[in-house]
Amino acid sequence: MKPLALKVIAAGRTFGPNVAVELLLPGGSLIALLLWLYCTYARRSNAQARA
């Protein structure tokens, strides 16, 4: 596959669940933003705990 296609697929896997939440729920933009922030900071804190 081409590198651009791989980047698009990776972005879809990353943002896909958040886009679904945003489209399906009332107030989904805020919920998707909070979910993304939670997942981002949870990954950082897990990585720091392992180091």
N, C-alpha and C. Protein backbone atom coordinates (compact mmCIF):
# COMPACT_ATOMS: atom_id res chain seq x y z
N MET A 1 0.85 -1.19 0.00
CA MET A 1 0.00 0.00 0.00
C MET A 1 0.89 1.24 0.00
N LYS A 2 0.30 2.31 -0.45
CA LYS A 2 1.03 3.56 -0.50
C LYS A 2 1.10 4.17 0.90
N PRO A 3 2.15 4.94 1.18
CA PRO A 3 2.27 5.55 2.52
C PRO A 3 1.10 6.45 2.89
N LEU A 4 0.54 7.16 1.92
CA LEU A 4 -0.60 8.03 2.21
C LEU A 4 -1.81 7.20 2.63
N ALA A 5 -2.03 6.09 1.95
CA ALA A 5 -3.17 5.23 2.30
C ALA A 5 -3.00 4.67 3.71
N LEU A 6 -1.79 4.31 4.08
CA LEU A 6 -1.53 3.80 5.42
C LEU A 6 -1.80 4.87 6.48
N LYS A 7 -1.45 6.11 6.18
CA LYS A 7 -1.71 7.20 7.12
C LYS A 7 -3.21 7.44 7.27
N VAL A 8 -3.94 7.36 6.18
CA VAL A 8 -5.40 7.56 6.23
C VAL A 8 -6.06 6.44 7.04
N ILE A 9 -5.61 5.22 6.85
CA ILE A 9 -6.16 4.09 7.60
C ILE A 9 -5.86 4.25 9.09
N ALA A 10 -4.65 4.65 9.42
CA ALA A 10 -4.28 4.85 10.82
C ALA A 10 -5.12 5.96 11.46
N ALA A 11 -5.35 7.03 10.72
CA ALA A 11 -6.16 8.13 11.24
C ALA A 11 -7.61 7.68 11.44
N GLY A 12 -8.11 6.86 10.53
CA GLY A 12 -9.48 6.34 10.67
C GLY A 12 -9.63 5.47 11.90
N ARG A 13 -8.62 4.65 12.18
CA ARG A 13 -8.68 3.81 13.38
C ARG A 13 -8.59 4.64 14.65
N THR A 14 -7.85 5.73 14.60
CA THR A 14 -7.68 6.58 15.77
C THR A 14 -8.93 7.40 16.04
N PHE A 15 -9.48 8.02 15.02
CA PHE A 15 -10.58 8.96 15.20
C PHE A 15 -11.95 8.37 14.92
N GLY A 16 -12.02 7.17 14.40
CA GLY A 16 -13.29 6.56 14.04
C GLY A 16 -14.31 6.49 15.17
N PRO A 17 -13.93 5.96 16.33
CA PRO A 17 -14.90 5.90 17.43
C PRO A 17 -15.37 7.28 17.87
N ASN A 18 -14.47 8.25 17.88
CA ASN A 18 -14.87 9.61 18.29
C ASN A 18 -15.83 10.23 17.29
N VAL A 19 -15.63 9.98 16.02
CA VAL A 19 -16.53 10.51 15.00
C VAL A 19 -17.91 9.87 15.15
N ALA A 20 -17.95 8.58 15.43
CA ALA A 20 -19.23 7.91 15.63
C ALA A 20 -19.97 8.49 16.83
N VAL A 21 -19.27 8.73 17.92
CA VAL A 21 -19.89 9.33 19.11
C VAL A 21 -20.42 10.70 18.77
N GLU A 22 -19.63 11.48 18.05
CA GLU A 22 -20.04 12.84 17.71
C GLU A 22 -21.29 12.87 16.86
N LEU A 23 -21.41 11.93 15.94
CA LEU A 23 -22.55 11.94 15.03
C LEU A 23 -23.81 11.36 15.66
N LEU A 24 -23.66 10.39 16.57
CA LEU A 24 -24.82 9.67 17.07
C LEU A 24 -25.44 10.24 18.34
N LEU A 25 -24.66 10.92 19.16
CA LEU A 25 -25.18 11.39 20.44
C LEU A 25 -25.45 12.88 20.44
N PRO A 26 -26.50 13.30 21.15
CA PRO A 26 -26.69 14.74 21.33
C PRO A 26 -25.57 15.28 22.22
N GLY A 27 -25.00 16.39 21.85
CA GLY A 27 -23.85 16.91 22.57
C GLY A 27 -22.61 16.08 22.32
N GLY A 28 -22.60 15.37 21.21
CA GLY A 28 -21.53 14.44 20.91
C GLY A 28 -20.18 15.09 20.74
N SER A 29 -20.14 16.34 20.31
CA SER A 29 -18.85 17.01 20.13
C SER A 29 -18.13 17.12 21.47
N LEU A 30 -18.85 17.52 22.48
CA LEU A 30 -18.23 17.64 23.81
C LEU A 30 -17.84 16.28 24.37
N ILE A 31 -18.69 15.30 24.18
CA ILE A 31 -18.40 13.95 24.68
C ILE A 31 -17.19 13.38 23.95
N ALA A 32 -17.12 13.56 22.64
CA ALA A 32 -15.99 13.06 21.86
C ALA A 32 -14.70 13.76 22.28
N LEU A 33 -14.76 15.06 22.53
CA LEU A 33 -13.58 15.80 22.98
C LEU A 33 -13.11 15.29 24.33
N LEU A 34 -14.03 15.11 25.26
CA LEU A 34 -13.65 14.61 26.58
C LEU A 34 -13.10 13.20 26.51
N LEU A 35 -13.68 12.37 25.67
CA LEU A 35 -13.19 11.00 25.48
C LEU A 35 -11.78 11.01 24.91
N TRP A 36 -11.53 11.85 23.93
CA TRP A 36 -10.20 11.95 23.34
C TRP A 36 -9.18 12.44 24.37
N LEU A 37 -9.54 13.45 25.15
CA LEU A 37 -8.63 13.95 26.18
C LEU A 37 -8.32 12.88 27.22
N TYR A 38 -9.35 12.16 27.64
CA TYR A 38 -9.16 11.09 28.62
C TYR A 38 -8.21 10.01 28.09
N CYS A 39 -8.44 9.58 26.87
CA CYS A 39 -7.58 8.54 26.28
C CYS A 39 -6.16 9.03 26.09
N THR A 40 -5.99 10.27 25.68
CA THR A 40 -4.66 10.82 25.46
C THR A 40 -3.88 10.89 26.76
N TYR A 41 -4.50 11.40 27.82
CA TYR A 41 -3.79 11.53 29.09
C TYR A 41 -3.64 10.19 29.79
N ALA A 42 -4.54 9.26 29.57
CA ALA A 42 -4.40 7.93 30.16
C ALA A 42 -3.19 7.23 29.55
N ARG A 43 -2.97 7.37 28.25
CA ARG A 43 -1.80 6.77 27.60
C ARG A 43 -0.51 7.38 28.13
N ARG A 44 -0.50 8.70 28.30
CA ARG A 44 0.71 9.37 28.78
C ARG A 44 1.03 8.93 30.21
N SER A 45 0.03 8.86 31.06
CA SER A 45 0.29 8.50 32.45
C SER A 45 0.72 7.03 32.55
N ASN A 46 0.17 6.15 31.70
CA ASN A 46 0.58 4.75 31.69
C ASN A 46 2.03 4.63 31.22
N ALA A 47 2.40 5.41 30.22
CA ALA A 47 3.77 5.36 29.71
C ALA A 47 4.75 5.87 30.75
N GLN A 48 4.37 6.89 31.50
CA GLN A 48 5.25 7.43 32.53
C GLN A 48 5.37 6.47 33.70
N ALA A 49 4.32 5.75 34.02
CA ALA A 49 4.36 4.81 35.13
C ALA A 49 5.28 3.63 34.80
N ARG A 50 5.31 3.24 33.54
CA ARG A 50 6.16 2.12 33.13
C ARG A 50 7.63 2.48 33.08
N ALA A 51 7.93 3.76 32.83
CA ALA A 51 9.33 4.19 32.69
C ALA A 51 10.06 4.27 34.01
